[in-house]
N, C-alpha and C. Protein backbone atom coordinates (compact mmCIF):
# COMPACT_ATOMS: atom_id res chain seq x y z
N MET A 1 137.10 96.78 136.43
CA MET A 1 136.37 95.74 136.93
C MET A 1 136.29 94.47 136.57
N LYS A 2 136.41 94.79 135.33
CA LYS A 2 136.58 92.95 135.03
C LYS A 2 138.18 92.10 135.72
N LYS A 3 138.74 92.87 135.98
CA LYS A 3 140.37 92.49 135.97
C LYS A 3 140.04 92.34 138.08
N TYR A 4 139.32 93.14 138.55
CA TYR A 4 139.05 93.34 140.47
C TYR A 4 137.99 91.85 140.60
N ILE A 5 137.04 91.36 139.53
CA ILE A 5 136.46 90.26 139.30
C ILE A 5 137.40 89.56 139.33
N MET A 6 137.78 89.02 138.44
CA MET A 6 138.56 87.35 138.21
C MET A 6 140.26 88.02 139.55
N VAL A 7 140.77 89.18 140.34
CA VAL A 7 141.01 88.43 141.45
C VAL A 7 139.83 88.28 143.00
N ALA A 8 139.02 88.79 142.30
CA ALA A 8 138.45 87.88 143.58
C ALA A 8 137.73 86.26 143.64
N ILE A 9 137.77 86.40 142.54
CA ILE A 9 137.08 84.45 142.34
C ILE A 9 138.37 83.94 142.38
N SER A 10 139.97 84.90 141.71
CA SER A 10 140.56 83.62 142.24
C SER A 10 141.08 83.50 143.67
N ILE A 11 140.37 84.60 144.82
CA ILE A 11 140.96 83.94 146.25
C ILE A 11 140.10 82.78 146.85
N LEU A 12 138.76 83.41 145.78
CA LEU A 12 137.39 82.76 146.43
C LEU A 12 138.34 81.64 146.20
N PHE A 13 138.68 81.23 145.19
CA PHE A 13 138.41 79.97 145.10
C PHE A 13 139.63 79.26 145.52
N LEU A 14 141.21 79.67 146.09
CA LEU A 14 141.81 79.23 146.85
C LEU A 14 141.52 79.36 148.10
N ALA A 15 141.10 80.54 148.69
CA ALA A 15 140.12 79.49 149.85
C ALA A 15 139.14 78.68 150.17
N GLY A 16 138.35 78.89 149.10
CA GLY A 16 138.30 77.50 148.72
C GLY A 16 139.34 76.01 149.09
N CYS A 17 139.83 75.75 148.31
CA CYS A 17 141.15 73.76 148.11
C CYS A 17 141.01 74.55 149.52
N SER A 18 141.96 74.92 150.78
CA SER A 18 142.62 75.51 151.57
C SER A 18 141.56 74.21 153.08
N PHE A 19 140.31 74.93 153.10
CA PHE A 19 139.27 74.19 153.30
C PHE A 19 138.68 72.61 153.20
N ASN A 20 139.57 72.79 152.04
CA ASN A 20 139.75 70.64 151.41
C ASN A 20 139.89 69.77 151.77
N LYS A 21 141.14 69.80 152.84
CA LYS A 21 142.30 69.26 152.98
C LYS A 21 141.81 67.45 153.54
N GLN A 22 143.05 66.99 152.83
CA GLN A 22 142.75 65.56 152.60
C GLN A 22 143.34 64.84 153.82
N GLU A 23 142.08 63.82 154.27
CA GLU A 23 142.49 63.63 155.07
C GLU A 23 144.08 62.22 154.88
N THR A 24 144.72 62.09 156.19
CA THR A 24 145.72 61.76 156.23
C THR A 24 145.39 60.08 156.92
N THR A 25 146.02 58.85 156.91
CA THR A 25 146.31 57.99 157.32
C THR A 25 146.70 57.92 159.04
N ASN A 26 147.66 59.05 159.56
CA ASN A 26 148.21 58.98 160.34
C ASN A 26 148.85 58.15 161.52
N ASN A 27 149.35 56.84 161.28
CA ASN A 27 149.27 55.44 162.37
C ASN A 27 151.21 55.38 162.58
N ILE A 28 151.00 55.04 163.34
CA ILE A 28 153.21 54.75 163.86
C ILE A 28 152.86 52.74 163.85
N PHE A 29 153.75 52.06 162.78
CA PHE A 29 154.11 50.53 163.54
C PHE A 29 154.64 50.39 164.42
N LEU A 30 154.42 50.05 164.98
CA LEU A 30 156.30 49.20 166.36
C LEU A 30 156.74 48.13 165.62
N ILE A 31 157.15 47.89 165.68
CA ILE A 31 157.61 45.99 165.02
C ILE A 31 158.56 45.85 165.31
N PRO A 32 158.88 44.36 166.07
CA PRO A 32 159.41 44.35 166.68
C PRO A 32 160.55 44.00 166.02
N GLU A 33 161.43 44.62 166.21
CA GLU A 33 163.53 43.99 165.76
C GLU A 33 163.63 42.51 164.50
N GLY A 34 164.17 43.01 164.08
CA GLY A 34 164.80 41.89 163.17
C GLY A 34 163.95 41.77 162.19
N PHE A 35 162.52 41.45 162.25
CA PHE A 35 161.07 40.97 161.77
C PHE A 35 161.38 41.69 160.23
N GLU A 36 160.84 40.65 159.80
CA GLU A 36 160.53 40.18 158.47
C GLU A 36 159.09 38.97 157.52
N GLY A 37 158.03 40.13 156.56
CA GLY A 37 156.53 39.00 157.04
C GLY A 37 155.98 40.18 156.53
N SER A 38 155.22 40.24 156.68
CA SER A 38 153.52 40.04 156.21
C SER A 38 152.80 40.39 157.85
N ILE A 39 151.68 41.70 158.28
CA ILE A 39 151.23 42.48 159.72
C ILE A 39 150.29 42.32 158.66
N PHE A 40 149.20 41.80 159.96
CA PHE A 40 147.77 42.45 159.94
C PHE A 40 147.93 43.00 161.01
N THR A 41 146.56 44.52 160.24
CA THR A 41 145.75 44.66 161.75
C THR A 41 144.18 44.41 161.20
N PHE A 42 143.86 43.71 163.20
CA PHE A 42 142.35 43.93 162.63
C PHE A 42 141.43 44.63 163.12
N TYR A 43 140.04 45.45 163.19
CA TYR A 43 140.08 46.69 164.01
C TYR A 43 138.71 45.64 164.04
N ASN A 44 138.04 46.24 164.98
CA ASN A 44 136.50 46.37 165.17
C ASN A 44 136.34 44.62 166.23
N MET A 45 137.36 44.33 166.53
CA MET A 45 138.19 42.99 167.59
C MET A 45 137.51 43.05 169.77
N PRO A 46 135.88 42.37 169.16
CA PRO A 46 135.87 42.41 171.39
C PRO A 46 136.94 41.96 172.19
N ASP A 47 137.06 42.85 173.54
CA ASP A 47 137.60 42.69 174.21
C ASP A 47 138.89 42.98 173.79
N GLU A 48 139.25 43.52 172.81
CA GLU A 48 140.90 43.56 172.93
C GLU A 48 140.92 45.79 172.64
N PRO A 49 142.33 45.90 173.39
CA PRO A 49 142.15 46.88 173.85
C PRO A 49 142.34 47.83 172.56
N ALA A 50 141.56 49.34 172.80
CA ALA A 50 141.79 50.62 172.34
C ALA A 50 143.29 50.67 171.57
N LEU A 51 143.51 51.71 169.98
CA LEU A 51 145.03 51.85 170.32
C LEU A 51 145.41 52.54 170.43
N LYS A 52 145.67 53.32 171.36
CA LYS A 52 146.97 54.03 171.82
C LYS A 52 146.69 55.72 170.89
N LYS A 53 147.26 57.24 170.85
CA LYS A 53 147.50 58.25 170.03
C LYS A 53 148.26 58.31 170.25
N GLU A 54 149.71 59.24 169.98
CA GLU A 54 151.09 60.01 169.88
C GLU A 54 150.98 60.87 169.17
N ASP A 55 150.48 62.20 169.81
CA ASP A 55 150.41 63.77 169.02
C ASP A 55 149.05 63.13 168.48
N ASP A 56 149.48 63.57 166.87
CA ASP A 56 148.05 63.29 165.77
C ASP A 56 147.73 61.69 165.72
N TYR A 57 149.36 60.85 165.99
CA TYR A 57 149.38 59.28 164.93
C TYR A 57 148.41 58.32 166.19
N THR A 58 148.06 57.44 165.89
CA THR A 58 147.77 55.93 165.94
C THR A 58 149.26 54.85 166.10
N VAL A 59 148.67 54.72 167.13
CA VAL A 59 150.25 54.01 167.78
C VAL A 59 149.68 52.03 167.36
N ILE A 60 150.70 51.26 165.91
CA ILE A 60 149.74 50.40 166.31
C ILE A 60 151.14 48.95 166.19
N PRO A 61 151.33 47.96 167.32
CA PRO A 61 151.73 47.44 168.21
C PRO A 61 151.60 46.47 167.18
N VAL A 62 152.81 45.26 166.86
CA VAL A 62 152.90 44.45 166.26
C VAL A 62 153.35 43.49 167.07
N LYS A 63 152.77 42.44 166.66
CA LYS A 63 153.60 41.56 167.88
C LYS A 63 153.56 40.37 166.41
N GLU A 64 154.42 39.59 167.49
CA GLU A 64 155.21 37.92 166.50
C GLU A 64 154.20 36.96 166.49
N LYS A 65 153.87 36.49 165.65
CA LYS A 65 153.67 35.01 165.72
C LYS A 65 154.26 34.03 164.84
N THR A 66 153.40 32.97 165.41
CA THR A 66 154.18 31.86 164.41
C THR A 66 152.88 31.53 163.22
N LEU A 67 152.84 30.45 162.60
CA LEU A 67 151.61 29.93 161.80
C LEU A 67 152.39 28.69 161.36
N ASP A 68 151.25 27.77 162.63
CA ASP A 68 151.67 25.69 162.37
C ASP A 68 151.90 25.79 161.36
N VAL A 69 150.56 25.90 160.01
CA VAL A 69 150.42 25.44 158.54
C VAL A 69 152.17 25.67 158.14
N LEU A 70 152.64 26.33 158.62
CA LEU A 70 154.33 27.17 157.28
C LEU A 70 154.93 27.00 158.99
N LYS A 71 154.69 25.95 159.68
CA LYS A 71 156.67 25.59 159.96
C LYS A 71 157.49 25.70 160.00
N ASP A 72 158.38 25.35 159.39
CA ASP A 72 159.87 24.86 158.82
C ASP A 72 160.89 25.32 157.65
N THR A 73 159.13 26.53 157.54
CA THR A 73 159.21 26.96 157.01
C THR A 73 159.83 28.70 156.55
N GLU A 74 160.50 29.90 155.57
CA GLU A 74 160.75 31.07 156.33
C GLU A 74 159.51 32.02 156.38
N ILE A 75 158.42 31.59 155.84
CA ILE A 75 157.65 32.69 156.07
C ILE A 75 156.45 32.18 157.45
N SER A 76 156.85 31.50 158.57
CA SER A 76 155.96 30.83 159.33
C SER A 76 156.32 32.15 160.53
N GLN A 77 157.13 33.24 160.67
CA GLN A 77 156.78 34.06 160.64
C GLN A 77 155.70 35.14 160.62
N TYR A 78 154.79 35.82 161.60
CA TYR A 78 154.35 36.70 160.82
C TYR A 78 154.18 38.31 161.82
N GLY A 79 153.01 38.62 161.63
CA GLY A 79 153.40 39.25 162.39
C GLY A 79 151.76 40.09 162.92
N VAL A 80 150.32 40.16 163.92
CA VAL A 80 149.53 40.73 164.02
C VAL A 80 149.91 41.99 164.96
N SER A 81 148.25 42.89 165.01
CA SER A 81 147.96 43.40 166.19
C SER A 81 146.36 42.97 165.75
N PHE A 82 145.36 43.05 167.11
CA PHE A 82 144.39 43.81 167.41
C PHE A 82 143.15 44.44 168.39
N THR A 83 142.62 45.56 167.64
CA THR A 83 142.12 45.97 168.58
C THR A 83 140.69 46.38 168.56
N SER A 84 140.55 46.99 169.43
CA SER A 84 139.38 47.15 169.16
C SER A 84 138.66 48.33 168.34
N THR A 85 138.83 49.01 168.24
CA THR A 85 139.20 50.52 167.55
C THR A 85 138.35 50.17 166.57
N LYS A 86 136.75 51.11 166.47
CA LYS A 86 136.78 50.09 165.44
C LYS A 86 136.74 50.08 163.97
N ASP A 87 137.34 50.98 163.27
CA ASP A 87 138.11 50.43 161.75
C ASP A 87 139.43 51.98 162.13
N MET A 88 139.93 51.57 160.81
CA MET A 88 141.48 52.06 160.44
C MET A 88 140.69 53.38 159.76
N ILE A 89 141.01 54.52 159.87
CA ILE A 89 141.37 55.89 159.24
C ILE A 89 141.96 55.46 157.57
N TYR A 90 141.54 56.01 156.90
CA TYR A 90 141.05 56.07 155.67
C TYR A 90 141.74 57.56 154.80
N GLY A 91 142.55 57.23 154.20
CA GLY A 91 143.46 59.18 153.81
C GLY A 91 144.14 58.45 152.55
N VAL A 92 145.30 59.31 152.54
CA VAL A 92 146.66 59.18 151.99
C VAL A 92 147.72 58.99 153.42
N VAL A 93 148.16 58.06 152.60
CA VAL A 93 148.98 57.42 153.77
C VAL A 93 150.61 58.22 153.91
N ASN A 94 150.94 58.24 155.03
CA ASN A 94 152.07 58.79 155.58
C ASN A 94 152.03 58.59 156.90
N ASP A 95 152.16 56.98 156.81
CA ASP A 95 152.04 56.52 158.27
C ASP A 95 153.60 56.40 158.61
N LYS A 96 154.27 55.72 159.86
CA LYS A 96 155.20 56.13 160.05
C LYS A 96 155.97 54.35 160.60
N TYR A 97 156.77 53.86 160.35
CA TYR A 97 156.93 52.60 160.89
C TYR A 97 158.37 52.06 161.48
N TYR A 98 158.21 51.44 162.48
CA TYR A 98 160.08 51.66 163.42
C TYR A 98 159.79 49.95 164.00
N TYR A 99 161.58 49.70 164.30
CA TYR A 99 161.22 48.33 164.73
C TYR A 99 161.95 49.13 166.15
N VAL A 100 162.03 48.08 166.68
CA VAL A 100 161.47 48.29 168.19
C VAL A 100 161.83 47.38 168.65
N ASP A 101 162.96 47.54 169.28
CA ASP A 101 164.71 46.68 170.24
C ASP A 101 163.32 46.32 171.97
N LYS A 102 164.30 45.42 172.54
CA LYS A 102 163.58 44.91 173.94
C LYS A 102 163.28 45.97 174.91
N ASN A 103 164.19 47.26 175.24
CA ASN A 103 164.11 47.47 176.08
C ASN A 103 163.51 48.78 175.23
N GLY A 104 162.59 49.22 174.10
CA GLY A 104 161.70 49.87 173.83
C GLY A 104 162.18 51.18 172.75
N LYS A 105 163.54 50.54 172.75
CA LYS A 105 163.99 51.63 171.78
C LYS A 105 163.88 51.45 169.70
N ARG A 106 163.28 53.53 168.63
CA ARG A 106 163.17 52.50 167.88
C ARG A 106 164.04 53.48 167.12
N LYS A 107 164.11 52.29 165.84
CA LYS A 107 164.83 52.27 164.77
C LYS A 107 163.71 52.62 163.48
N GLU A 108 164.17 54.05 162.69
CA GLU A 108 162.86 54.21 161.60
C GLU A 108 163.47 53.46 160.79
N ILE A 109 161.76 52.40 160.12
CA ILE A 109 162.28 51.73 158.58
C ILE A 109 162.49 52.30 157.88
N ASN A 110 163.38 52.14 156.59
CA ASN A 110 163.52 53.17 155.09
C ASN A 110 162.20 52.89 154.35
N ASP A 111 161.19 54.00 153.65
CA ASP A 111 159.59 53.98 153.09
C ASP A 111 159.80 52.44 151.73
N GLN A 112 160.89 52.42 151.40
CA GLN A 112 161.33 51.26 150.88
C GLN A 112 161.47 49.81 151.25
N CYS A 113 161.28 49.96 151.91
CA CYS A 113 161.18 48.24 153.07
C CYS A 113 159.39 48.00 153.58
N ILE A 114 158.66 49.40 152.91
CA ILE A 114 157.90 49.02 153.51
C ILE A 114 156.90 48.11 152.57
N SER A 115 156.24 47.98 152.04
CA SER A 115 154.92 47.18 150.75
C SER A 115 153.09 47.50 151.76
N LEU A 116 152.61 47.85 150.84
CA LEU A 116 151.31 47.85 151.86
C LEU A 116 150.05 46.96 150.71
N GLY A 117 150.03 45.47 151.24
CA GLY A 117 149.42 45.69 151.17
C GLY A 117 147.94 45.70 151.07
N SER A 118 146.05 44.86 151.15
CA SER A 118 145.60 44.54 151.25
C SER A 118 144.44 45.56 152.04
N ASN A 119 143.30 45.74 152.16
CA ASN A 119 142.35 46.47 153.42
C ASN A 119 140.80 45.85 152.79
N GLY A 120 140.38 45.11 154.17
CA GLY A 120 139.48 44.76 153.74
C GLY A 120 137.90 44.09 154.92
N GLY A 121 137.71 43.66 154.93
CA GLY A 121 136.60 43.06 156.58
C GLY A 121 135.57 41.58 155.91
N PHE A 122 135.68 41.76 156.84
CA PHE A 122 134.47 40.22 156.76
C PHE A 122 133.45 40.27 158.12
N THR A 123 132.62 39.43 158.05
CA THR A 123 131.94 39.40 160.00
C THR A 123 132.24 38.38 160.39
N GLY A 124 132.81 38.98 162.23
CA GLY A 124 132.89 37.91 163.24
C GLY A 124 131.13 37.43 163.57
N ARG A 125 132.25 36.41 164.17
CA ARG A 125 131.73 35.76 164.53
C ARG A 125 129.84 36.09 165.38
N ASN A 126 130.06 37.07 166.39
CA ASN A 126 128.96 37.91 166.67
C ASN A 126 128.14 39.23 165.95
N GLY A 127 128.48 38.81 164.90
CA GLY A 127 128.18 39.75 164.33
C GLY A 127 129.01 41.55 163.69
N GLU A 128 129.82 41.21 164.64
CA GLU A 128 130.75 42.63 164.49
C GLU A 128 131.40 42.75 162.88
N ASP A 129 131.18 43.55 162.53
CA ASP A 129 131.97 43.84 161.33
C ASP A 129 133.46 44.64 161.54
N ILE A 130 134.08 43.15 161.21
CA ILE A 130 135.94 43.55 161.38
C ILE A 130 136.80 43.99 160.11
N LYS A 131 137.46 44.84 160.22
CA LYS A 131 137.92 44.68 159.75
C LYS A 131 139.88 45.14 159.01
N TYR A 132 140.27 44.65 157.99
CA TYR A 132 142.16 44.53 158.55
C TYR A 132 141.75 45.59 157.23
N SER A 133 143.88 45.23 157.91
CA SER A 133 144.52 45.58 156.74
C SER A 133 145.67 44.45 157.17
N VAL A 134 146.63 45.37 155.76
CA VAL A 134 147.47 44.20 156.10
C VAL A 134 148.35 45.13 155.06
N ILE A 135 150.17 44.89 155.84
CA ILE A 135 151.83 45.28 154.95
C ILE A 135 152.55 44.25 155.49
N GLN A 136 153.36 45.23 154.14
CA GLN A 136 154.24 43.65 153.94
C GLN A 136 155.70 44.79 154.68
N VAL A 137 156.75 44.23 155.65
CA VAL A 137 158.23 44.49 156.11
C VAL A 137 159.38 43.76 156.00
N THR A 138 160.24 44.34 155.65
CA THR A 138 161.77 43.13 155.56
C THR A 138 162.82 44.45 155.78
N SER A 139 164.24 44.13 155.42
CA SER A 139 164.96 44.31 155.82
C SER A 139 166.13 43.71 155.32
N SER A 140 166.07 43.33 153.94
CA SER A 140 167.29 42.13 153.01
C SER A 140 166.49 42.63 151.83
N SER A 141 165.45 43.00 151.53
CA SER A 141 164.86 43.17 149.82
C SER A 141 164.68 44.72 150.04
N CYS A 142 164.74 45.76 150.58
CA CYS A 142 163.93 47.19 150.37
C CYS A 142 164.55 47.64 149.24
N GLY A 143 163.41 48.84 147.72
CA GLY A 143 163.56 48.72 146.94
C GLY A 143 162.40 48.88 146.24
N PRO A 144 162.23 49.93 145.35
CA PRO A 144 161.09 50.28 144.73
C PRO A 144 160.26 49.02 144.11
N SER A 145 160.99 47.98 143.86
CA SER A 145 160.12 46.32 143.18
C SER A 145 159.57 45.38 144.38
N PHE A 146 160.29 46.31 145.63
CA PHE A 146 159.34 45.32 146.57
C PHE A 146 158.46 46.41 147.50
N LYS A 147 158.70 47.79 147.65
CA LYS A 147 157.17 48.63 147.72
C LYS A 147 156.54 48.69 147.26
N GLU A 148 156.77 48.39 145.69
CA GLU A 148 155.11 48.09 144.53
C GLU A 148 154.09 47.28 144.79
N ASN A 149 155.68 45.75 144.81
CA ASN A 149 155.37 44.36 144.91
C ASN A 149 155.01 44.38 145.75
N GLY A 150 155.91 44.12 147.55
CA GLY A 150 155.98 43.15 148.25
C GLY A 150 156.28 41.80 147.70
N ARG A 151 157.24 41.43 148.17
CA ARG A 151 157.58 39.86 148.05
C ARG A 151 157.13 38.64 148.26
N ASN A 152 156.49 38.00 146.74
CA ASN A 152 156.06 36.52 145.99
C ASN A 152 156.17 35.28 147.50
N ASP A 153 157.31 35.55 149.04
CA ASP A 153 156.96 33.30 149.60
C ASP A 153 156.07 35.19 151.11
N PHE A 154 155.96 35.99 150.67
CA PHE A 154 155.71 36.81 151.69
C PHE A 154 153.85 36.78 151.37
N ASN A 155 153.55 37.00 150.70
CA ASN A 155 152.30 37.08 148.73
C ASN A 155 151.73 35.95 149.53
N ALA A 156 152.63 34.73 149.38
CA ALA A 156 152.19 33.62 149.90
C ALA A 156 151.26 33.68 151.96
N GLN A 157 152.12 33.67 152.63
CA GLN A 157 152.22 34.43 153.73
C GLN A 157 151.23 35.06 153.94
N VAL A 158 150.91 35.92 153.95
CA VAL A 158 149.57 37.32 153.54
C VAL A 158 147.94 35.72 153.56
N ASN A 159 148.37 34.75 152.37
CA ASN A 159 147.00 33.88 151.16
C ASN A 159 146.31 33.48 153.13
N HIS A 160 147.70 32.26 153.90
CA HIS A 160 147.75 31.69 154.96
C HIS A 160 147.13 32.11 155.73
N VAL A 161 148.16 33.25 156.37
CA VAL A 161 146.90 33.96 157.30
C VAL A 161 146.19 34.40 157.42
N GLY A 162 145.81 34.96 156.65
CA GLY A 162 144.54 35.59 156.06
C GLY A 162 143.17 34.30 156.61
N LYS A 163 143.33 33.23 154.97
CA LYS A 163 142.09 32.33 155.67
C LYS A 163 142.38 31.79 157.28
N TYR A 164 143.60 31.74 157.63
CA TYR A 164 143.38 31.45 159.02
C TYR A 164 142.90 32.22 160.14
N TYR A 165 143.21 32.92 159.43
CA TYR A 165 142.40 33.89 160.71
C TYR A 165 140.67 34.32 160.85
N PHE A 166 140.17 34.65 158.96
CA PHE A 166 139.00 34.36 158.33
C PHE A 166 138.64 33.12 159.32
N GLN A 167 138.76 31.78 159.13
CA GLN A 167 138.06 30.47 159.41
C GLN A 167 137.79 30.19 161.44
N LYS A 168 138.94 31.48 161.79
CA LYS A 168 139.10 31.39 163.05
C LYS A 168 137.51 32.43 163.71
N LEU A 169 138.04 33.85 162.72
CA LEU A 169 137.27 34.40 163.64
C LEU A 169 135.83 34.42 162.57
N ALA A 170 135.34 34.27 161.41
CA ALA A 170 135.10 34.53 160.76
C ALA A 170 133.00 34.13 161.17
N ILE A 171 132.17 34.16 161.17
CA ILE A 171 130.54 34.17 161.36
C ILE A 171 130.78 32.25 160.07
N LYS A 172 130.16 31.60 161.44
CA LYS A 172 130.34 30.56 159.94
C LYS A 172 128.81 30.36 159.47
N LYS A 173 128.52 29.46 157.92
CA LYS A 173 127.43 30.02 157.58
C LYS A 173 126.94 27.92 157.28
């Protein structure tokens, strides 16, 4: 009898574990071909389009921009995506990253060429709760060190670009 009770408890435990599925981020980043640098995604931006879905994934189209304060440096180009989608999905990161050429053809980016950055938020000028996430992408510095730490020049770029958008979008005190 004791044996049957242990089997029943084991089955109930395993069944309970299968209902406790972890959330996953499920994003696809579409990055301009050849781009290297930091990429910001800003959520809950009024007047911007919502992110589209592709199967179970949310598609984040990245545009390349230039920051004037970094003009004539190797880190003047950064990536950005604005969306009215309220917030990012949190969970285990299982995102996919692609370089996209002018014809829309995708080429998958090795995960050793992606460094996950920070997430954060601030109050926008109209009182909206703006969230953001940051990643870095490279094609010339791929490897475990980049994946873990990013690049120092890209980290400096994150600070400049973050400051620029905070000043531009955040509520004035």
